[in-house]
C-alpha atoms as a PDB file:
ATOM      1  CA  MET A   1    -153.054  83.502 -38.170  1.00  0.00           C
ATOM      2  CA  ALA A   2    -150.424  86.058 -39.212  1.00  0.00           C
ATOM      3  CA  GLY A   3    -150.625  87.691 -35.796  1.00  0.00           C
ATOM      4  CA  ASP A   4    -149.952  84.356 -34.141  1.00  0.00           C
ATOM      5  CA  LEU A   5    -146.811  83.841 -36.218  1.00  0.00           C
ATOM      6  CA  ALA A   6    -145.226  86.946 -34.718  1.00  0.00           C
ATOM      7  CA  ALA A   7    -145.282  85.255 -31.316  1.00  0.00           C
ATOM      8  CA  TRP A   8    -143.268  82.265 -32.565  1.00  0.00           C
ATOM      9  CA  ALA A   9    -139.499  82.390 -32.906  1.00  0.00           C
ATOM     10  CA  LYS A  10    -138.395  83.218 -36.450  1.00  0.00           C
ATOM     11  CA  GLY A  11    -136.717  79.813 -36.830  1.00  0.00           C
ATOM     12  CA  ASP A  12    -139.432  77.800 -35.094  1.00  0.00           C
ATOM     13  CA  LEU A  13    -139.580  74.295 -36.562  1.00  0.00           C
ATOM     14  CA  SER A  14    -143.311  74.682 -37.140  1.00  0.00           C
ATOM     15  CA  LYS A  15    -142.614  77.617 -39.453  1.00  0.00           C
ATOM     16  CA  VAL A  16    -139.926  75.664 -41.268  1.00  0.00           C
ATOM     17  CA  ALA A  17    -142.301  72.706 -41.606  1.00  0.00           C
ATOM     18  CA  ILE A  18    -144.798  75.048 -43.263  1.00  0.00           C
ATOM     19  CA  ALA A  19    -142.230  76.783 -45.462  1.00  0.00           C
ATOM     20  CA  ALA A  20    -140.515  73.649 -46.815  1.00  0.00           C
ATOM     21  CA  PRO A  21    -143.427  72.131 -48.757  1.00  0.00           C
ATOM     22  CA  VAL A  22    -144.742  75.537 -49.831  1.00  0.00           C
ATOM     23  CA  ARG A  23    -141.344  76.361 -51.332  1.00  0.00           C
ATOM     24  CA  ALA A  24    -140.956  72.916 -52.919  1.00  0.00           C
ATOM     25  CA  GLU A  25    -144.433  72.764 -54.445  1.00  0.00           C
ATOM     26  CA  THR A  26    -145.082  76.367 -55.501  1.00  0.00           C
ATOM     27  CA  VAL A  27    -143.291  79.233 -57.203  1.00  0.00           C
ATOM     28  CA  VAL A  28    -143.346  81.608 -54.230  1.00  0.00           C
ATOM     29  CA  THR A  29    -140.037  83.262 -53.450  1.00  0.00           C
ATOM     30  CA  VAL A  30    -138.039  82.745 -50.300  1.00  0.00           C
ATOM     31  CA  ALA A  31    -138.440  86.465 -49.620  1.00  0.00           C
ATOM     32  CA  TRP A  32    -142.225  86.057 -49.756  1.00  0.00           C
ATOM     33  CA  LEU A  33    -142.051  83.146 -47.307  1.00  0.00           C
ATOM     34  CA  ALA A  34    -139.794  85.118 -44.974  1.00  0.00           C
ATOM     35  CA  ASN A  35    -142.223  88.013 -44.981  1.00  0.00           C
ATOM     36  CA  ARG A  36    -145.441  86.008 -44.793  1.00  0.00           C
ATOM     37  CA  LEU A  37    -144.258  83.622 -42.070  1.00  0.00           C
ATOM     38  CA  GLN A  38    -142.345  86.370 -40.252  1.00  0.00           C
ATOM     39  CA  MET A  39    -139.080  84.441 -40.352  1.00  0.00           C
ATOM     40  CA  GLY A  40    -136.608  87.281 -40.790  1.00  0.00           C
ATOM     41  CA  THR A  41    -134.523  87.600 -43.936  1.00  0.00           C
ATOM     42  CA  ALA A  42    -134.644  85.510 -47.097  1.00  0.00           C
ATOM     43  CA  GLY A  43    -131.083  84.376 -46.377  1.00  0.00           C
ATOM     44  CA  TYR A  44    -132.091  83.085 -42.972  1.00  0.00           C
ATOM     45  CA  VAL A  45    -135.042  81.201 -44.466  1.00  0.00           C
ATOM     46  CA  ASN A  46    -132.771  79.721 -47.144  1.00  0.00           C
ATOM     47  CA  ASN A  47    -130.469  78.481 -44.397  1.00  0.00           C
ATOM     48  CA  ARG A  48    -133.352  76.928 -42.433  1.00  0.00           C
ATOM     49  CA  LEU A  49    -134.746  75.248 -45.576  1.00  0.00           C
ATOM     50  CA  TYR A  50    -131.337  73.894 -46.544  1.00  0.00           C
ATOM     51  CA  ARG A  51    -130.812  72.444 -43.065  1.00  0.00           C
ATOM     52  CA  TRP A  52    -134.354  71.014 -43.135  1.00  0.00           C
ATOM     53  CA  ARG A  53    -133.657  69.235 -46.441  1.00  0.00           C
ATOM     54  CA  GLN A  54    -130.374  67.881 -45.044  1.00  0.00           C
ATOM     55  CA  GLY A  55    -132.234  66.448 -42.045  1.00  0.00           C
ATOM     56  CA  VAL A  56    -130.354  68.587 -39.542  1.00  0.00           C
ATOM     57  CA  LEU A  57    -133.578  70.262 -38.380  1.00  0.00           C
ATOM     58  CA  ARG A  58    -136.439  68.012 -37.286  1.00  0.00           C
END
């Protein structure tokens, strides 16, 4: 699966949809999510998660 994630855009909504509940329900760091889901930097992931929670991304 990890190889498939590299083909998706770093901000793909599918990645954000995976990251949001993982972050909310576990103790993994944003940096870990960024690395594991190949989403760029932790700051970028934080931004995507914030916008997801605000309902801007859907």
